Every structure is written in C-alpha cells, then in structure tokens.
C-alpha atoms as a PDB file:
ATOM      1  CA  UNK A   1     100.945  35.393 -15.501  1.00  0.00           C
ATOM      2  CA  UNK A   2     101.975  38.598 -16.617  1.00  0.00           C
ATOM      3  CA  UNK A   3      99.847  42.061 -16.516  1.00  0.00           C
ATOM      4  CA  UNK A   4      98.621  43.740 -19.541  1.00  0.00           C
ATOM      5  CA  UNK A   5     100.892  44.456 -22.396  1.00  0.00           C
ATOM      6  CA  UNK A   6     102.152  47.975 -22.996  1.00  0.00           C
ATOM      7  CA  UNK A   7     100.168  48.332 -26.074  1.00  0.00           C
ATOM      8  CA  UNK A   8      96.800  47.281 -24.274  1.00  0.00           C
ATOM      9  CA  UNK A   9      97.506  49.968 -21.641  1.00  0.00           C
ATOM     10  CA  UNK A  10      98.438  52.480 -24.207  1.00  0.00           C
ATOM     11  CA  UNK A  11      95.235  51.940 -26.042  1.00  0.00           C
ATOM     12  CA  UNK A  12      93.111  51.784 -22.678  1.00  0.00           C
ATOM     13  CA  UNK A  13      94.743  55.176 -21.804  1.00  0.00           C
ATOM     14  CA  UNK A  14      93.926  56.640 -25.234  1.00  0.00           C
ATOM     15  CA  UNK A  15      90.251  55.477 -24.808  1.00  0.00           C
ATOM     16  CA  UNK A  16      90.231  56.873 -21.368  1.00  0.00           C
ATOM     17  CA  UNK A  17      91.219  60.282 -22.726  1.00  0.00           C
ATOM     18  CA  UNK A  18      89.001  60.055 -25.685  1.00  0.00           C
ATOM     19  CA  UNK A  19      86.030  59.543 -23.251  1.00  0.00           C
ATOM     20  CA  UNK A  20      87.210  62.405 -20.935  1.00  0.00           C
ATOM     21  CA  UNK A  21      87.157  64.723 -24.083  1.00  0.00           C
ATOM     22  CA  UNK A  22      83.595  63.413 -25.062  1.00  0.00           C
ATOM     23  CA  UNK A  23      82.453  64.204 -21.562  1.00  0.00           C
ATOM     24  CA  UNK A  24      83.846  67.537 -21.437  1.00  0.00           C
ATOM     25  CA  UNK A  25      81.938  68.401 -24.909  1.00  0.00           C
ATOM     26  CA  UNK A  26      78.645  67.044 -23.550  1.00  0.00           C
ATOM     27  CA  UNK A  27      79.040  69.007 -20.354  1.00  0.00           C
ATOM     28  CA  UNK A  28      79.465  72.151 -22.617  1.00  0.00           C
ATOM     29  CA  UNK A  29      76.488  71.346 -24.668  1.00  0.00           C
ATOM     30  CA  UNK A  30      74.346  70.782 -21.659  1.00  0.00           C
ATOM     31  CA  UNK A  31      75.532  74.200 -20.012  1.00  0.00           C
ATOM     32  CA  UNK A  32      74.763  75.960 -23.175  1.00  0.00           C
ATOM     33  CA  UNK A  33      71.165  74.295 -23.205  1.00  0.00           C
ATOM     34  CA  UNK A  34      70.499  75.311 -19.783  1.00  0.00           C
ATOM     35  CA  UNK A  35      71.293  78.821 -20.745  1.00  0.00           C
ATOM     36  CA  UNK A  36      69.129  78.728 -23.748  1.00  0.00           C
ATOM     37  CA  UNK A  37      66.043  77.139 -21.861  1.00  0.00           C
ATOM     38  CA  UNK A  38      66.467  79.806 -19.251  1.00  0.00           C
ATOM     39  CA  UNK A  39      66.032  82.646 -22.245  1.00  0.00           C
ATOM     40  CA  UNK A  40      63.368  80.846 -23.691  1.00  0.00           C
ATOM     41  CA  UNK A  41      61.471  80.429 -20.360  1.00  0.00           C
ATOM     42  CA  UNK A  42      62.126  84.322 -19.414  1.00  0.00           C
ATOM     43  CA  UNK A  43      60.663  85.523 -22.948  1.00  0.00           C
ATOM     44  CA  UNK A  44      57.815  83.114 -22.474  1.00  0.00           C
ATOM     45  CA  UNK A  45      56.813  84.443 -19.119  1.00  0.00           C
ATOM     46  CA  UNK A  46      57.358  87.969 -20.624  1.00  0.00           C
ATOM     47  CA  UNK A  47      54.889  87.644 -23.412  1.00  0.00           C
ATOM     48  CA  UNK A  48      52.259  85.604 -21.153  1.00  0.00           C
ATOM     49  CA  UNK A  49      52.533  88.260 -18.672  1.00  0.00           C
ATOM     50  CA  UNK A  50      51.524  90.855 -21.132  1.00  0.00           C
ATOM     51  CA  UNK A  51      48.362  88.822 -21.818  1.00  0.00           C
ATOM     52  CA  UNK A  52      47.543  88.225 -18.150  1.00  0.00           C
ATOM     53  CA  UNK A  53      48.189  91.862 -17.269  1.00  0.00           C
ATOM     54  CA  UNK A  54      46.013  93.066 -20.344  1.00  0.00           C
ATOM     55  CA  UNK A  55      42.586  90.598 -19.166  1.00  0.00           C
ATOM     56  CA  UNK A  56      39.512  92.302 -18.376  1.00  0.00           C
ATOM     57  CA  UNK A  57      37.693  90.741 -15.680  1.00  0.00           C
ATOM     58  CA  UNK A  58      33.909  91.272 -15.582  1.00  0.00           C
ATOM     59  CA  UNK A  59      33.194  89.299 -12.687  1.00  0.00           C
ATOM     60  CA  UNK A  60      31.404  86.254 -14.506  1.00  0.00           C
ATOM     61  CA  UNK A  61      33.640  86.401 -17.409  1.00  0.00           C
ATOM     62  CA  UNK A  62      37.143  87.359 -18.393  1.00  0.00           C
ATOM     63  CA  UNK A  63      38.048  88.756 -21.613  1.00  0.00           C
ATOM     64  CA  UNK A  64      41.543  89.210 -23.342  1.00  0.00           C
ATOM     65  CA  UNK A  65      42.534  92.878 -23.194  1.00  0.00           C
ATOM     66  CA  UNK A  66      43.208  93.090 -27.205  1.00  0.00           C
ATOM     67  CA  UNK A  67      42.905  90.884 -30.322  1.00  0.00           C
ATOM     68  CA  UNK A  68      46.614  91.417 -29.990  1.00  0.00           C
ATOM     69  CA  UNK A  69      46.877  89.413 -27.150  1.00  0.00           C
ATOM     70  CA  UNK A  70      44.932  86.282 -28.920  1.00  0.00           C
ATOM     71  CA  UNK A  71      47.446  86.747 -31.658  1.00  0.00           C
ATOM     72  CA  UNK A  72      50.430  86.471 -29.250  1.00  0.00           C
ATOM     73  CA  UNK A  73      49.110  83.512 -27.561  1.00  0.00           C
ATOM     74  CA  UNK A  74      48.660  81.741 -31.310  1.00  0.00           C
ATOM     75  CA  UNK A  75      52.391  83.056 -31.896  1.00  0.00           C
ATOM     76  CA  UNK A  76      53.465  81.363 -28.768  1.00  0.00           C
ATOM     77  CA  UNK A  77      51.841  78.509 -29.467  1.00  0.00           C
ATOM     78  CA  UNK A  78      52.957  78.210 -33.214  1.00  0.00           C
ATOM     79  CA  UNK A  79      56.783  78.913 -32.020  1.00  0.00           C
ATOM     80  CA  UNK A  80      56.357  76.172 -29.318  1.00  0.00           C
ATOM     81  CA  UNK A  81      55.408  73.555 -31.880  1.00  0.00           C
ATOM     82  CA  UNK A  82      57.848  74.801 -34.546  1.00  0.00           C
ATOM     83  CA  UNK A  83      60.554  74.177 -32.037  1.00  0.00           C
ATOM     84  CA  UNK A  84      59.248  70.875 -31.119  1.00  0.00           C
ATOM     85  CA  UNK A  85      59.708  71.784 -27.585  1.00  0.00           C
ATOM     86  CA  UNK A  86      56.979  68.938 -26.433  1.00  0.00           C
ATOM     87  CA  UNK A  87      56.367  66.827 -29.461  1.00  0.00           C
ATOM     88  CA  UNK A  88      53.480  64.717 -27.569  1.00  0.00           C
ATOM     89  CA  UNK A  89      51.811  67.777 -26.571  1.00  0.00           C
ATOM     90  CA  UNK A  90      51.897  69.186 -30.268  1.00  0.00           C
ATOM     91  CA  UNK A  91      50.344  66.069 -31.296  1.00  0.00           C
ATOM     92  CA  UNK A  92      47.589  66.111 -28.784  1.00  0.00           C
ATOM     93  CA  UNK A  93      48.676  62.964 -26.845  1.00  0.00           C
ATOM     94  CA  UNK A  94      48.397  64.777 -23.523  1.00  0.00           C
ATOM     95  CA  UNK A  95      45.194  66.459 -23.869  1.00  0.00           C
ATOM     96  CA  UNK A  96      42.695  65.775 -20.889  1.00  0.00           C
ATOM     97  CA  UNK A  97      39.419  66.703 -23.090  1.00  0.00           C
END
C-alpha cells in the first residue's frame, strides 16, 4: 500500500490554505462587528442617560422631563427595529404582557 498521491496532497494543501484564508476573513469581520457593537451600545447608553437624567420624580409618579425625551425613546426603538438588532422582540415574540 502506498501513501497519498502528490496530486491529492497538493489538493489537500490548497484546501487547507483556502480554509485558513476564510478563517482569517471571518476573524476580521468578527472584530469589526465587535467594534461596531461597542459603538452602538455606547450611543444607546448616552441617549438613555439623557432621558433618565431628565426624569421628574414626584414621589408617587415619575414623568419624563421633556417631550423631547419621549421622542428620543421612540427614535431609539424605531432605529432598533429598523436595524433588526433583535427581530424576535420587534415582532412581539418575547413580551411578558
């Protein structure tokens, strides 16, 4: 019995090289996605902080500090839905009420 042919060895080496290139490409995409996710989270945090900092607490009730805060919350939700960040939530599949 003889070992693998030169042709099959070359094919396997080329296939392995292609897979390594694909892995490198996917790692790069994943790193870019992580950077983008961090930016999105930071912006969301900033915007929610604006709303929370403006809340008017009257003891038994809390009101938004401005109608702009309500608009900001609506904008956040619309952007979230448009970006399809969590399609199940946008469809109402995960609501407790």
